[in-house]
Protein backbone atom coordinates (compact mmCIF):
# COMPACT_ATOMS: atom_id res chain seq x y z
CA UNK A 1 -20.23 -13.97 34.25
CA UNK A 2 -17.13 -14.21 32.26
CA UNK A 3 -18.92 -15.29 29.37
CA UNK A 4 -20.55 -12.61 29.43
CA UNK A 5 -17.96 -9.89 29.28
CA UNK A 6 -15.68 -12.11 26.73
CA UNK A 7 -19.51 -12.07 25.28
CA UNK A 8 -19.82 -7.95 25.42
CA UNK A 9 -16.13 -7.45 24.11
CA UNK A 10 -16.36 -9.40 20.64
CA UNK A 11 -19.88 -7.53 20.39
CA UNK A 12 -17.53 -4.09 20.85
CA UNK A 13 -15.02 -4.81 18.44
CA UNK A 14 -17.55 -6.28 15.68
CA UNK A 15 -19.20 -2.87 15.78
CA UNK A 16 -15.73 -0.57 16.02
CA UNK A 17 -14.88 -2.63 12.47
CA UNK A 18 -17.64 -2.49 11.34
CA UNK A 19 -18.50 -3.25 7.29
CA UNK A 20 -14.72 -2.12 6.12
CA UNK A 21 -13.07 -5.25 6.65
CA UNK A 22 -15.34 -8.54 5.97
CA UNK A 23 -14.73 -10.45 3.30
CA UNK A 24 -17.60 -11.12 0.30
CA UNK A 25 -18.10 -14.26 -0.93
CA UNK A 26 -20.98 -14.62 -2.89
CA UNK A 27 -24.55 -12.88 -3.31
CA UNK A 28 -27.44 -13.54 -4.45
CA UNK A 29 -28.76 -11.02 -7.95
CA UNK A 30 -31.61 -8.45 -6.83
CA UNK A 31 -34.95 -9.23 -6.38
CA UNK A 32 -36.47 -6.88 -8.37
CA UNK A 33 -38.94 -4.70 -5.81
CA UNK A 34 -42.58 -2.33 -6.66
CA UNK A 35 -43.47 1.25 -7.22
CA UNK A 36 -42.39 2.21 -4.25
CA UNK A 37 -41.58 6.20 -4.27
CA UNK A 38 -38.39 7.04 -3.64
CA UNK A 39 -38.75 10.17 -1.71
CA UNK A 40 -39.91 8.44 1.12
CA UNK A 41 -36.74 7.32 2.52
CA UNK A 42 -34.36 10.01 2.24
CA UNK A 43 -34.77 11.67 4.52
CA UNK A 44 -36.19 15.59 4.78
CA UNK A 45 -36.44 15.43 0.12
CA UNK A 46 -37.32 15.67 -1.92
CA UNK A 47 -37.07 12.54 -4.25
CA UNK A 48 -33.45 12.91 -5.92
CA UNK A 49 -32.80 14.91 -9.18
CA UNK A 50 -29.49 13.91 -12.10
CA UNK A 51 -26.87 17.76 -10.79
CA UNK A 52 -24.60 17.34 -13.79
CA UNK A 53 -21.51 17.98 -12.24
CA UNK A 54 -19.05 18.84 -14.77
CA UNK A 55 -16.09 20.53 -12.26
CA UNK A 56 -12.69 17.95 -13.69
CA UNK A 57 -11.20 15.68 -10.63
CA UNK A 58 -7.32 16.47 -9.23
CA UNK A 59 -6.80 13.46 -11.93
CA UNK A 60 -8.05 12.96 -15.87
CA UNK A 61 -10.22 10.98 -15.47
CA UNK A 62 -11.86 10.45 -19.05
CA UNK A 63 -10.58 6.92 -18.98
CA UNK A 64 -13.35 6.22 -15.40
CA UNK A 65 -16.42 8.61 -16.58
CA UNK A 66 -19.25 8.13 -18.01
CA UNK A 67 -20.65 10.57 -20.91
CA UNK A 68 -22.49 13.36 -19.16
CA UNK A 69 -25.85 11.74 -21.58
CA UNK A 70 -25.34 8.53 -19.82
CA UNK A 71 -26.10 10.12 -15.89
CA UNK A 72 -29.84 9.67 -16.43
CA UNK A 73 -29.04 5.61 -16.94
CA UNK A 74 -27.61 5.45 -13.90
CA UNK A 75 -29.19 7.70 -11.52
CA UNK A 76 -32.75 5.37 -12.85
CA UNK A 77 -29.79 2.51 -12.60
CA UNK A 78 -29.48 3.39 -8.51
CA UNK A 79 -33.31 4.62 -8.37
CA UNK A 80 -34.30 0.99 -9.66
CA UNK A 81 -31.08 -0.74 -7.05
CA UNK A 82 -33.03 1.83 -3.70
CA UNK A 83 -36.44 0.00 -4.56
CA UNK A 84 -35.11 -3.23 -5.22
CA UNK A 85 -33.50 -3.17 -1.74
CA UNK A 86 -35.72 -0.98 0.04
CA UNK A 87 -36.82 -2.42 3.78
CA UNK A 88 -33.64 -4.20 3.74
CA UNK A 89 -31.60 -3.80 7.22
CA UNK A 90 -28.13 -3.48 7.91
CA UNK A 91 -26.27 -6.12 9.03
CA UNK A 92 -22.21 -6.68 9.25
CA UNK A 93 -21.31 -9.27 6.45
CA UNK A 94 -24.70 -9.73 4.98
CA UNK A 95 -25.07 -10.53 1.32
CA UNK A 96 -28.70 -10.77 0.60
CA UNK A 97 -32.21 -8.45 0.98
CA UNK A 98 -32.21 -10.40 4.25
CA UNK A 99 -29.55 -7.63 5.83
CA UNK A 100 -26.30 -6.09 4.05
CA UNK A 101 -23.32 -3.70 5.17
CA UNK A 102 -22.20 -0.46 3.39
CA UNK A 103 -19.32 -2.51 1.44
CA UNK A 104 -21.28 -4.71 0.42
CA UNK A 105 -24.44 -3.40 -1.32
CA UNK A 106 -21.90 -0.66 -2.83
CA UNK A 107 -19.79 -4.16 -4.01
CA UNK A 108 -23.20 -5.41 -4.84
CA UNK A 109 -24.85 -2.38 -6.79
CA UNK A 110 -22.18 -1.67 -9.11
CA UNK A 111 -21.96 -5.52 -9.98
CA UNK A 112 -25.53 -6.58 -10.89
CA UNK A 113 -26.84 -2.88 -12.12
CA UNK A 114 -23.97 -1.78 -13.46
CA UNK A 115 -21.21 -4.51 -14.18
CA UNK A 116 -18.17 -3.46 -12.47
CA UNK A 117 -16.95 -5.19 -10.11
CA UNK A 118 -14.96 -3.63 -5.94
CA UNK A 119 -13.50 -4.82 -3.22
CA UNK A 120 -16.01 -6.20 -0.51
CA UNK A 121 -15.21 -3.93 1.55
CA UNK A 122 -14.40 -0.69 3.26
CA UNK A 123 -10.83 -0.26 3.28
CA UNK A 124 -9.92 -1.81 -0.59
CA UNK A 125 -12.88 0.36 -2.04
CA UNK A 126 -11.32 3.28 -1.35
CA UNK A 127 -8.66 2.51 -3.84
CA UNK A 128 -10.39 2.04 -6.51
CA UNK A 129 -11.37 4.75 -9.88
CA UNK A 130 -9.90 7.94 -9.54
CA UNK A 131 -9.83 10.22 -6.87
CA UNK A 132 -12.16 13.36 -7.11
CA UNK A 133 -12.46 16.67 -4.66
CA UNK A 134 -15.71 16.70 -3.19
CA UNK A 135 -16.78 19.06 -4.74
CA UNK A 136 -16.42 17.76 -8.19
CA UNK A 137 -19.03 14.44 -6.62
CA UNK A 138 -22.14 13.62 -8.89
CA UNK A 139 -24.18 10.11 -9.90
CA UNK A 140 -22.35 7.25 -10.03
CA UNK A 141 -18.57 8.22 -7.38
CA UNK A 142 -18.79 6.61 -4.18
CA UNK A 143 -19.20 8.18 -1.83
CA UNK A 144 -16.49 8.45 2.13
CA UNK A 145 -16.88 8.61 6.18
CA UNK A 146 -15.20 8.47 8.81
CA UNK A 147 -18.19 7.17 12.12
CA UNK A 148 -15.48 6.13 13.82
CA UNK A 149 -11.76 6.52 15.15
CA UNK A 150 -11.31 3.17 12.80
CA UNK A 151 -14.51 2.55 10.77
CA UNK A 152 -15.16 3.78 7.54
CA UNK A 153 -18.58 3.41 5.60
CA UNK A 154 -19.47 4.03 2.01
CA UNK A 155 -22.74 4.84 -0.27
CA UNK A 156 -23.06 5.94 -4.18
CA UNK A 157 -24.13 8.85 -5.16
CA UNK A 158 -27.36 9.24 -6.62
CA UNK A 159 -26.78 13.40 -7.74
CA UNK A 160 -24.11 16.27 -5.91
CA UNK A 161 -26.29 16.39 -2.94
CA UNK A 162 -27.50 12.30 -2.01
CA UNK A 163 -26.09 9.31 -1.58
CA UNK A 164 -27.63 5.68 -1.79
CA UNK A 165 -26.03 3.79 1.22
CA UNK A 166 -27.31 0.69 3.69
CA UNK A 167 -27.09 2.63 7.01
CA UNK A 168 -26.64 1.02 10.70
CA UNK A 169 -29.81 2.47 12.52
CA UNK A 170 -32.28 2.38 8.90
CA UNK A 171 -30.69 0.13 6.87
CA UNK A 172 -30.89 0.74 2.25
CA UNK A 173 -31.69 4.40 2.64
CA UNK A 174 -31.51 8.03 0.13
CA UNK A 175 -28.99 10.39 2.32
CA UNK A 176 -28.30 13.71 2.62
CA UNK A 177 -25.28 14.51 1.31
CA UNK A 178 -24.81 18.46 2.82
CA UNK A 179 -26.82 17.05 6.72
CA UNK A 180 -24.71 17.86 9.56
CA UNK A 181 -23.80 14.29 10.45
CA UNK A 182 -22.07 13.07 7.30
CA UNK A 183 -20.87 17.03 5.76
CA UNK A 184 -18.08 16.40 9.34
CA UNK A 185 -17.60 12.52 8.73
CA UNK A 186 -17.03 13.16 4.94
CA UNK A 187 -13.55 11.30 4.04
CA UNK A 188 -12.99 11.09 0.41
CA UNK A 189 -14.52 10.56 -3.34
CA UNK A 190 -14.16 8.00 -5.68
CA UNK A 191 -15.73 7.94 -9.33
CA UNK A 192 -15.92 4.56 -10.67
CA UNK A 193 -18.40 5.06 -12.86
């Protein structure tokens, strides 16, 4: 009975910190997937579309922002990442298509598809790039959510209304930023492309 209680306490502790604290050592390259339609995993949505938001951030982003003409390429890379990783389940500390957590998924996508190295945990990812307003979110921006008292979640904006992430309940998917669950838990956004 005592061991069962200890095990339960450790499991609860692991879920409480979720994907925000586990460092990543390495990851395998992404595997090219099939031609699935990204819209199949989008929550109540048609396929993602590029919505170019030219709103300026509260900091100068000229050094980190990509040109508007490159947004289509960035979106195409994110859709390819979705196709490659679709169906991958959430796994705390996971680094492969066997299972992956949100912060490592963001790290892998940015590294493998854009050549950008970011930290492997959510708390450190909150400090990369430049801070932007919620209304200025566009393709490639990191979006952060406070999903629990000490739990953070991160994804990458596919456009100004949708983001790609490793969901704890459904694995790798595209969700709507405007969905009440995410809208009410929005914490910050950072521009890294």
